[in-house]
């Protein structure tokens, strides 16, 4: 008989995991959900950073640095928002966010920025260019695919999102 295990992630969400497809207590579904949540914050920061950098005419280095900084800021902020609802203090919520999301955001940003910088002309494309937006969308999709197994591995070991409380 298969049992269902309920776990809470760093964002206060309850997840039901089933025996099939599990690895050390972390299902692909849980990992994908955690990665999607991380991707949301990263994407907001990444898009904002690239838009600001491109609109301001910044060189590639400062634009990428701004995008990465904003991706971390928005990623942590979204996690903290959910954790604060559980009643933790702001300081405790920040600790949870740092523990839960640092590796995930770092991997996501490494993949995302490597892809976008590697696409010829993407960093030089204007905001009205399809290349700018398609490169960004493609790089975020690849970052999601690369980060999901990392999150699953971390969750199975009680780290990352699963290490939140």
N, C-alpha and C. Protein backbone atom coordinates (compact mmCIF):
# COMPACT_ATOMS: atom_id res chain seq x y z
N UNK A 1 0.84 -1.18 0.00
CA UNK A 1 0.00 0.00 0.00
C UNK A 1 0.88 1.24 0.00
N UNK A 2 0.62 2.16 -0.87
CA UNK A 2 1.41 3.37 -1.00
C UNK A 2 0.91 4.42 -0.02
N UNK A 3 1.86 5.08 0.63
CA UNK A 3 1.49 6.12 1.59
C UNK A 3 1.79 7.48 1.00
N UNK A 4 1.12 8.47 1.53
CA UNK A 4 1.34 9.84 1.11
C UNK A 4 1.98 10.59 2.25
N UNK A 5 3.05 11.28 1.94
CA UNK A 5 3.76 12.05 2.94
C UNK A 5 3.57 13.53 2.63
N UNK A 6 3.25 14.31 3.64
CA UNK A 6 3.07 15.74 3.45
C UNK A 6 4.28 16.47 4.02
N UNK A 7 4.82 17.39 3.24
CA UNK A 7 5.94 18.19 3.69
C UNK A 7 5.62 19.66 3.47
N UNK A 8 6.31 20.50 4.22
CA UNK A 8 6.15 21.94 4.08
C UNK A 8 7.43 22.49 3.48
N UNK A 9 7.29 23.37 2.50
CA UNK A 9 8.47 23.97 1.92
C UNK A 9 8.75 25.33 2.57
N UNK A 10 9.78 26.00 2.09
CA UNK A 10 10.20 27.28 2.68
C UNK A 10 9.15 28.36 2.53
N UNK A 11 8.19 28.14 1.67
CA UNK A 11 7.20 29.15 1.37
C UNK A 11 5.89 28.91 2.11
N UNK A 12 5.89 27.89 3.00
CA UNK A 12 4.71 27.59 3.77
C UNK A 12 3.71 26.72 3.02
N UNK A 13 4.05 26.26 1.81
CA UNK A 13 3.16 25.41 1.04
C UNK A 13 3.28 23.97 1.53
N UNK A 14 2.18 23.25 1.48
CA UNK A 14 2.17 21.84 1.83
C UNK A 14 2.22 21.05 0.54
N UNK A 15 3.11 20.04 0.52
CA UNK A 15 3.25 19.20 -0.66
C UNK A 15 2.97 17.76 -0.27
N UNK A 16 2.25 17.07 -1.11
CA UNK A 16 2.02 15.64 -0.91
C UNK A 16 2.93 14.88 -1.85
N UNK A 17 3.74 14.02 -1.30
CA UNK A 17 4.64 13.20 -2.11
C UNK A 17 4.17 11.76 -2.09
N UNK A 18 4.26 11.08 -3.21
CA UNK A 18 3.85 9.69 -3.30
C UNK A 18 5.07 8.84 -3.56
N UNK A 19 5.01 7.58 -3.21
CA UNK A 19 6.14 6.68 -3.34
C UNK A 19 6.70 6.61 -4.75
N UNK A 20 5.87 6.63 -5.78
CA UNK A 20 6.36 6.54 -7.14
C UNK A 20 7.11 7.79 -7.53
N UNK A 21 8.28 7.60 -8.11
CA UNK A 21 9.06 8.73 -8.59
C UNK A 21 9.79 9.47 -7.50
N UNK A 22 9.90 8.88 -6.32
CA UNK A 22 10.55 9.57 -5.21
C UNK A 22 12.00 9.17 -5.13
N UNK A 23 12.81 10.02 -4.60
CA UNK A 23 14.23 9.75 -4.36
C UNK A 23 14.56 10.36 -3.03
N UNK A 24 14.72 9.52 -2.02
CA UNK A 24 15.08 10.04 -0.71
C UNK A 24 14.08 11.03 -0.16
N UNK A 25 12.79 10.92 -0.50
CA UNK A 25 11.77 11.79 0.04
C UNK A 25 11.50 13.02 -0.80
N UNK A 26 12.20 13.20 -1.90
CA UNK A 26 11.98 14.37 -2.74
C UNK A 26 11.45 13.92 -4.10
N UNK A 27 10.23 14.30 -4.41
CA UNK A 27 9.65 13.93 -5.70
C UNK A 27 10.04 14.96 -6.75
N UNK A 28 9.94 14.54 -8.00
CA UNK A 28 10.19 15.48 -9.10
C UNK A 28 9.18 16.61 -9.07
N UNK A 29 7.95 16.30 -8.66
CA UNK A 29 6.91 17.33 -8.59
C UNK A 29 7.27 18.40 -7.57
N UNK A 30 7.73 17.97 -6.39
CA UNK A 30 8.14 18.94 -5.37
C UNK A 30 9.31 19.78 -5.85
N UNK A 31 10.28 19.12 -6.50
CA UNK A 31 11.45 19.84 -7.00
C UNK A 31 11.06 20.84 -8.08
N UNK A 32 10.16 20.42 -8.97
CA UNK A 32 9.71 21.33 -10.03
C UNK A 32 8.97 22.52 -9.45
N UNK A 33 8.14 22.27 -8.42
CA UNK A 33 7.41 23.36 -7.78
C UNK A 33 8.38 24.35 -7.13
N UNK A 34 9.36 23.83 -6.42
CA UNK A 34 10.35 24.70 -5.78
C UNK A 34 11.14 25.49 -6.82
N UNK A 35 11.49 24.81 -7.92
CA UNK A 35 12.25 25.48 -8.98
C UNK A 35 11.40 26.54 -9.67
N UNK A 36 10.13 26.25 -9.89
CA UNK A 36 9.24 27.23 -10.51
C UNK A 36 9.10 28.47 -9.64
N UNK A 37 9.01 28.27 -8.33
CA UNK A 37 8.92 29.40 -7.41
C UNK A 37 10.21 30.22 -7.49
N UNK A 38 11.34 29.54 -7.50
CA UNK A 38 12.63 30.21 -7.60
C UNK A 38 12.74 30.95 -8.94
N UNK A 39 12.27 30.28 -10.00
CA UNK A 39 12.33 30.88 -11.33
C UNK A 39 11.52 32.17 -11.39
N UNK A 40 10.43 32.23 -10.67
CA UNK A 40 9.60 33.44 -10.69
C UNK A 40 10.39 34.64 -10.19
N UNK A 41 11.02 34.50 -9.04
CA UNK A 41 11.83 35.60 -8.51
C UNK A 41 13.01 35.92 -9.40
N UNK A 42 13.69 34.86 -9.88
CA UNK A 42 14.83 35.07 -10.76
C UNK A 42 14.42 35.78 -12.05
N UNK A 43 13.31 35.34 -12.61
CA UNK A 43 12.86 35.92 -13.88
C UNK A 43 12.50 37.40 -13.70
N UNK A 44 11.83 37.73 -12.62
CA UNK A 44 11.49 39.14 -12.37
C UNK A 44 12.78 39.97 -12.31
N UNK A 45 13.73 39.52 -11.51
CA UNK A 45 14.99 40.25 -11.37
C UNK A 45 15.79 40.27 -12.65
N UNK A 46 15.84 39.13 -13.33
CA UNK A 46 16.61 39.01 -14.57
C UNK A 46 16.05 39.93 -15.65
N UNK A 47 14.75 39.87 -15.84
CA UNK A 47 14.12 40.71 -16.87
C UNK A 47 14.30 42.18 -16.52
N UNK A 48 14.06 42.54 -15.27
CA UNK A 48 14.22 43.93 -14.86
C UNK A 48 15.65 44.40 -15.08
N UNK A 49 16.61 43.58 -14.68
CA UNK A 49 18.02 43.95 -14.85
C UNK A 49 18.41 44.11 -16.31
N UNK A 50 17.96 43.18 -17.16
CA UNK A 50 18.29 43.28 -18.57
C UNK A 50 17.59 44.45 -19.23
N UNK A 51 16.36 44.71 -18.84
CA UNK A 51 15.63 45.85 -19.40
C UNK A 51 16.31 47.16 -18.98
N UNK A 52 16.63 47.29 -17.70
CA UNK A 52 17.30 48.51 -17.22
C UNK A 52 18.65 48.68 -17.91
N UNK A 53 19.45 47.60 -17.93
CA UNK A 53 20.77 47.68 -18.54
C UNK A 53 20.72 48.00 -20.01
N UNK A 54 19.78 47.37 -20.73
CA UNK A 54 19.64 47.61 -22.17
C UNK A 54 19.13 49.03 -22.43
N UNK A 55 18.11 49.44 -21.68
CA UNK A 55 17.55 50.79 -21.88
C UNK A 55 18.56 51.87 -21.52
N UNK A 56 19.40 51.62 -20.53
CA UNK A 56 20.39 52.61 -20.11
C UNK A 56 21.65 52.56 -20.96
N UNK A 57 21.74 51.59 -21.86
CA UNK A 57 22.90 51.47 -22.72
C UNK A 57 24.15 50.98 -21.99
N UNK A 58 23.95 50.24 -20.91
CA UNK A 58 25.10 49.71 -20.16
C UNK A 58 25.80 48.63 -20.98
N UNK A 59 27.07 48.44 -20.72
CA UNK A 59 27.82 47.36 -21.35
C UNK A 59 27.32 46.03 -20.79
N UNK A 60 27.73 44.94 -21.43
CA UNK A 60 27.25 43.61 -21.04
C UNK A 60 27.58 43.25 -19.59
N UNK A 61 28.79 43.52 -19.14
CA UNK A 61 29.19 43.17 -17.78
C UNK A 61 28.30 43.79 -16.71
N UNK A 62 28.14 45.11 -16.71
CA UNK A 62 27.26 45.73 -15.72
C UNK A 62 25.79 45.29 -15.85
N UNK A 63 25.34 45.04 -17.07
CA UNK A 63 23.96 44.59 -17.26
C UNK A 63 23.76 43.21 -16.64
N UNK A 64 24.69 42.30 -16.88
CA UNK A 64 24.61 40.96 -16.30
C UNK A 64 24.70 41.03 -14.78
N UNK A 65 25.62 41.84 -14.26
CA UNK A 65 25.76 41.98 -12.81
C UNK A 65 24.47 42.51 -12.17
N UNK A 66 23.87 43.50 -12.80
CA UNK A 66 22.61 44.05 -12.30
C UNK A 66 21.50 42.99 -12.33
N UNK A 67 21.44 42.24 -13.41
CA UNK A 67 20.43 41.18 -13.53
C UNK A 67 20.59 40.13 -12.45
N UNK A 68 21.83 39.73 -12.19
CA UNK A 68 22.09 38.72 -11.16
C UNK A 68 21.71 39.25 -9.78
N UNK A 69 22.13 40.47 -9.49
CA UNK A 69 21.81 41.06 -8.18
C UNK A 69 20.29 41.15 -7.97
N UNK A 70 19.58 41.60 -8.99
CA UNK A 70 18.13 41.70 -8.88
C UNK A 70 17.45 40.33 -8.81
N UNK A 71 18.00 39.35 -9.50
CA UNK A 71 17.44 38.00 -9.44
C UNK A 71 17.54 37.45 -8.02
N UNK A 72 18.69 37.63 -7.38
CA UNK A 72 18.83 37.18 -5.99
C UNK A 72 17.89 37.96 -5.08
N UNK A 73 17.82 39.28 -5.26
CA UNK A 73 16.97 40.11 -4.41
C UNK A 73 15.49 39.70 -4.52
N UNK A 74 15.01 39.54 -5.74
CA UNK A 74 13.60 39.16 -5.92
C UNK A 74 13.36 37.71 -5.50
N UNK A 75 14.30 36.84 -5.76
CA UNK A 75 14.16 35.45 -5.32
C UNK A 75 14.05 35.34 -3.81
N UNK A 76 14.95 36.01 -3.10
CA UNK A 76 14.88 36.00 -1.64
C UNK A 76 13.61 36.69 -1.14
N UNK A 77 13.24 37.78 -1.78
CA UNK A 77 12.05 38.53 -1.33
C UNK A 77 10.78 37.69 -1.45
N UNK A 78 10.64 36.94 -2.55
CA UNK A 78 9.46 36.09 -2.70
C UNK A 78 9.43 34.99 -1.66
N UNK A 79 10.57 34.41 -1.37
CA UNK A 79 10.62 33.38 -0.33
C UNK A 79 10.29 33.98 1.03
N UNK A 80 10.88 35.12 1.33
CA UNK A 80 10.63 35.76 2.62
C UNK A 80 9.15 36.11 2.78
N UNK A 81 8.53 36.55 1.70
CA UNK A 81 7.11 36.89 1.77
C UNK A 81 6.29 35.71 2.26
N UNK A 82 6.56 34.54 1.71
CA UNK A 82 5.84 33.35 2.12
C UNK A 82 6.20 32.91 3.54
N UNK A 83 7.46 33.01 3.88
CA UNK A 83 7.91 32.58 5.20
C UNK A 83 7.41 33.52 6.29
N UNK A 84 7.34 34.79 6.02
CA UNK A 84 6.84 35.75 7.01
C UNK A 84 5.39 35.45 7.38
N UNK A 85 4.64 34.88 6.44
CA UNK A 85 3.25 34.52 6.73
C UNK A 85 3.14 33.39 7.75
N UNK A 86 4.23 32.65 7.95
CA UNK A 86 4.21 31.56 8.94
C UNK A 86 4.45 32.08 10.35
N UNK A 87 4.75 33.39 10.49
CA UNK A 87 4.93 33.98 11.81
C UNK A 87 6.37 34.19 12.22
N UNK A 88 7.33 33.84 11.35
CA UNK A 88 8.73 34.08 11.69
C UNK A 88 9.05 35.57 11.61
N UNK A 89 10.07 35.97 12.34
CA UNK A 89 10.53 37.36 12.28
C UNK A 89 11.22 37.60 10.94
N UNK A 90 11.45 38.85 10.60
CA UNK A 90 12.12 39.19 9.34
C UNK A 90 13.53 38.60 9.31
N UNK A 91 14.22 38.63 10.44
CA UNK A 91 15.57 38.08 10.51
C UNK A 91 15.55 36.57 10.29
N UNK A 92 14.61 35.89 10.92
CA UNK A 92 14.49 34.44 10.75
C UNK A 92 14.08 34.11 9.31
N UNK A 93 13.19 34.90 8.76
CA UNK A 93 12.73 34.68 7.38
C UNK A 93 13.89 34.86 6.40
N UNK A 94 14.76 35.84 6.66
CA UNK A 94 15.93 36.03 5.80
C UNK A 94 16.85 34.82 5.87
N UNK A 95 17.06 34.29 7.07
CA UNK A 95 17.89 33.10 7.22
C UNK A 95 17.31 31.92 6.45
N UNK A 96 16.00 31.77 6.53
CA UNK A 96 15.33 30.70 5.79
C UNK A 96 15.52 30.90 4.29
N UNK A 97 15.32 32.12 3.82
CA UNK A 97 15.46 32.40 2.39
C UNK A 97 16.88 32.13 1.92
N UNK A 98 17.85 32.55 2.69
CA UNK A 98 19.25 32.32 2.31
C UNK A 98 19.55 30.82 2.24
N UNK A 99 19.09 30.09 3.25
CA UNK A 99 19.33 28.64 3.28
C UNK A 99 18.56 27.92 2.17
N UNK A 100 17.35 28.35 1.92
CA UNK A 100 16.48 27.65 0.99
C UNK A 100 16.81 27.91 -0.47
N UNK A 101 17.25 29.11 -0.79
CA UNK A 101 17.30 29.50 -2.19
C UNK A 101 18.67 29.83 -2.77
N UNK A 102 19.70 29.98 -1.97
CA UNK A 102 20.98 30.44 -2.50
C UNK A 102 21.53 29.54 -3.60
N UNK A 103 21.61 28.25 -3.36
CA UNK A 103 22.16 27.35 -4.38
C UNK A 103 21.27 27.33 -5.61
N UNK A 104 19.96 27.26 -5.41
CA UNK A 104 19.03 27.22 -6.52
C UNK A 104 19.15 28.47 -7.40
N UNK A 105 19.17 29.63 -6.78
CA UNK A 105 19.28 30.87 -7.55
C UNK A 105 20.64 30.94 -8.25
N UNK A 106 21.70 30.53 -7.56
CA UNK A 106 23.04 30.57 -8.15
C UNK A 106 23.12 29.69 -9.39
N UNK A 107 22.60 28.47 -9.31
CA UNK A 107 22.61 27.58 -10.47
C UNK A 107 21.77 28.17 -11.59
N UNK A 108 20.60 28.66 -11.23
CA UNK A 108 19.71 29.23 -12.24
C UNK A 108 20.38 30.42 -12.95
N UNK A 109 21.02 31.27 -12.19
CA UNK A 109 21.67 32.45 -12.78
C UNK A 109 22.89 32.07 -13.62
N UNK A 110 23.62 31.07 -13.18
CA UNK A 110 24.77 30.60 -13.95
C UNK A 110 24.32 30.10 -15.32
N UNK A 111 23.31 29.26 -15.34
CA UNK A 111 22.81 28.71 -16.60
C UNK A 111 22.19 29.82 -17.46
N UNK A 112 21.31 30.59 -16.86
CA UNK A 112 20.60 31.64 -17.58
C UNK A 112 21.56 32.63 -18.24
N UNK A 113 22.49 33.14 -17.47
CA UNK A 113 23.40 34.16 -18.01
C UNK A 113 24.41 33.58 -18.98
N UNK A 114 24.85 32.35 -18.75
CA UNK A 114 25.76 31.71 -19.71
C UNK A 114 25.08 31.56 -21.06
N UNK A 115 23.83 31.14 -21.04
CA UNK A 115 23.08 30.95 -22.29
C UNK A 115 22.86 32.30 -22.98
N UNK A 116 22.39 33.27 -22.24
CA UNK A 116 22.04 34.55 -22.89
C UNK A 116 23.28 35.27 -23.42
N UNK A 117 24.40 35.17 -22.70
CA UNK A 117 25.64 35.78 -23.18
C UNK A 117 26.19 35.00 -24.37
N UNK A 118 25.92 33.70 -24.41
CA UNK A 118 26.42 32.86 -25.49
C UNK A 118 25.65 32.94 -26.79
N UNK A 119 24.46 33.49 -26.77
CA UNK A 119 23.67 33.62 -27.99
C UNK A 119 24.15 34.86 -28.74
N UNK A 120 24.68 34.66 -29.94
CA UNK A 120 25.20 35.80 -30.70
C UNK A 120 24.16 36.92 -30.88
N UNK A 121 24.52 38.11 -30.46
CA UNK A 121 23.68 39.28 -30.63
C UNK A 121 22.62 39.50 -29.57
N UNK A 122 22.41 38.52 -28.68
CA UNK A 122 21.33 38.65 -27.69
C UNK A 122 21.56 39.81 -26.74
N UNK A 123 22.78 39.98 -26.28
CA UNK A 123 23.06 41.07 -25.33
C UNK A 123 23.06 42.44 -26.00
N UNK A 124 23.19 42.45 -27.30
CA UNK A 124 23.19 43.72 -28.02
C UNK A 124 21.83 44.05 -28.63
N UNK A 125 20.90 43.11 -28.52
CA UNK A 125 19.56 43.33 -29.08
C UNK A 125 18.81 44.36 -28.25
N UNK A 126 18.00 45.13 -28.90
CA UNK A 126 17.19 46.13 -28.21
C UNK A 126 15.94 45.51 -27.63
N UNK A 127 15.26 46.28 -26.80
CA UNK A 127 14.05 45.80 -26.14
C UNK A 127 12.93 45.48 -27.12
N UNK A 128 12.95 46.07 -28.30
CA UNK A 128 11.92 45.82 -29.30
C UNK A 128 12.27 44.65 -30.21
N UNK A 129 13.45 44.05 -30.01
CA UNK A 129 13.89 42.94 -30.85
C UNK A 129 13.40 41.60 -30.32
N UNK A 130 12.90 40.77 -31.23
CA UNK A 130 12.46 39.43 -30.86
C UNK A 130 13.62 38.61 -30.30
N UNK A 131 14.84 38.84 -30.80
CA UNK A 131 16.00 38.11 -30.31
C UNK A 131 16.21 38.34 -28.82
N UNK A 132 16.01 39.55 -28.34
CA UNK A 132 16.16 39.86 -26.93
C UNK A 132 15.23 38.99 -26.09
N UNK A 133 13.94 39.00 -26.43
CA UNK A 133 12.92 38.30 -25.65
C UNK A 133 12.98 36.79 -25.83
N UNK A 134 13.24 36.32 -27.05
CA UNK A 134 13.33 34.87 -27.25
C UNK A 134 14.56 34.30 -26.57
N UNK A 135 15.67 35.02 -26.58
CA UNK A 135 16.87 34.57 -25.89
C UNK A 135 16.63 34.50 -24.38
N UNK A 136 15.97 35.50 -23.87
CA UNK A 136 15.67 35.54 -22.44
C UNK A 136 14.74 34.39 -22.05
N UNK A 137 13.68 34.19 -22.83
CA UNK A 137 12.74 33.10 -22.53
C UNK A 137 13.44 31.74 -22.62
N UNK A 138 14.23 31.54 -23.65
CA UNK A 138 14.94 30.28 -23.81
C UNK A 138 15.95 30.03 -22.70
N UNK A 139 16.65 31.08 -22.30
CA UNK A 139 17.66 30.90 -21.24
C UNK A 139 16.99 30.59 -19.90
N UNK A 140 15.85 31.19 -19.63
CA UNK A 140 15.13 30.89 -18.39
C UNK A 140 14.56 29.47 -18.41
N UNK A 141 14.08 29.02 -19.56
CA UNK A 141 13.58 27.65 -19.67
C UNK A 141 14.70 26.64 -19.44
N UNK A 142 15.86 26.88 -20.02
CA UNK A 142 17.00 25.99 -19.80
C UNK A 142 17.46 26.03 -18.35
N UNK A 143 17.42 27.20 -17.75
CA UNK A 143 17.80 27.32 -16.33
C UNK A 143 16.85 26.51 -15.46
N UNK A 144 15.56 26.53 -15.77
CA UNK A 144 14.58 25.73 -15.03
C UNK A 144 14.91 24.25 -15.16
N UNK A 145 15.16 23.79 -16.37
CA UNK A 145 15.46 22.38 -16.61
C UNK A 145 16.73 21.94 -15.90
N UNK A 146 17.73 22.80 -15.85
CA UNK A 146 18.99 22.45 -15.20
C UNK A 146 18.90 22.52 -13.68
N UNK A 147 18.07 23.40 -13.16
CA UNK A 147 17.99 23.61 -11.71
C UNK A 147 17.06 22.62 -11.02
N UNK A 148 16.06 22.11 -11.70
CA UNK A 148 15.12 21.17 -11.07
C UNK A 148 15.83 19.95 -10.48
N UNK A 149 16.73 19.28 -11.21
CA UNK A 149 17.42 18.14 -10.59
C UNK A 149 18.31 18.55 -9.41
N UNK A 150 18.88 19.74 -9.46
CA UNK A 150 19.69 20.24 -8.35
C UNK A 150 18.80 20.40 -7.11
N UNK A 151 17.63 21.00 -7.29
CA UNK A 151 16.71 21.17 -6.16
C UNK A 151 16.25 19.83 -5.63
N UNK A 152 15.98 18.88 -6.51
CA UNK A 152 15.55 17.55 -6.06
C UNK A 152 16.66 16.89 -5.23
N UNK A 153 17.87 16.98 -5.72
CA UNK A 153 19.01 16.41 -5.01
C UNK A 153 19.16 17.05 -3.63
N UNK A 154 19.07 18.37 -3.58
CA UNK A 154 19.21 19.08 -2.31
C UNK A 154 18.06 18.74 -1.36
N UNK A 155 16.85 18.69 -1.88
CA UNK A 155 15.69 18.38 -1.04
C UNK A 155 15.79 16.97 -0.47
N UNK A 156 16.29 16.04 -1.26
CA UNK A 156 16.44 14.65 -0.81
C UNK A 156 17.45 14.55 0.33
N UNK A 157 18.33 15.52 0.44
CA UNK A 157 19.34 15.54 1.48
C UNK A 157 19.02 16.52 2.61
N UNK A 158 17.77 17.02 2.62
CA UNK A 158 17.35 17.92 3.69
C UNK A 158 17.92 19.31 3.58
N UNK A 159 18.32 19.69 2.37
CA UNK A 159 18.88 21.02 2.16
C UNK A 159 17.98 21.81 1.21
N UNK A 160 18.35 23.06 1.00
CA UNK A 160 17.58 23.88 0.08
C UNK A 160 16.19 24.13 0.62
N UNK A 161 15.21 24.01 -0.22
CA UNK A 161 13.84 24.30 0.15
C UNK A 161 13.38 23.43 1.31
N UNK A 162 13.81 22.16 1.33
CA UNK A 162 13.40 21.24 2.40
C UNK A 162 14.05 21.58 3.73
N UNK A 163 15.12 22.35 3.70
CA UNK A 163 15.87 22.70 4.92
C UNK A 163 15.32 23.95 5.61
N UNK A 164 14.16 24.37 5.21
CA UNK A 164 13.66 25.68 5.61
C UNK A 164 13.25 25.83 7.06
N UNK A 165 12.77 24.80 7.71
CA UNK A 165 12.31 25.00 9.09
C UNK A 165 13.07 24.11 10.02
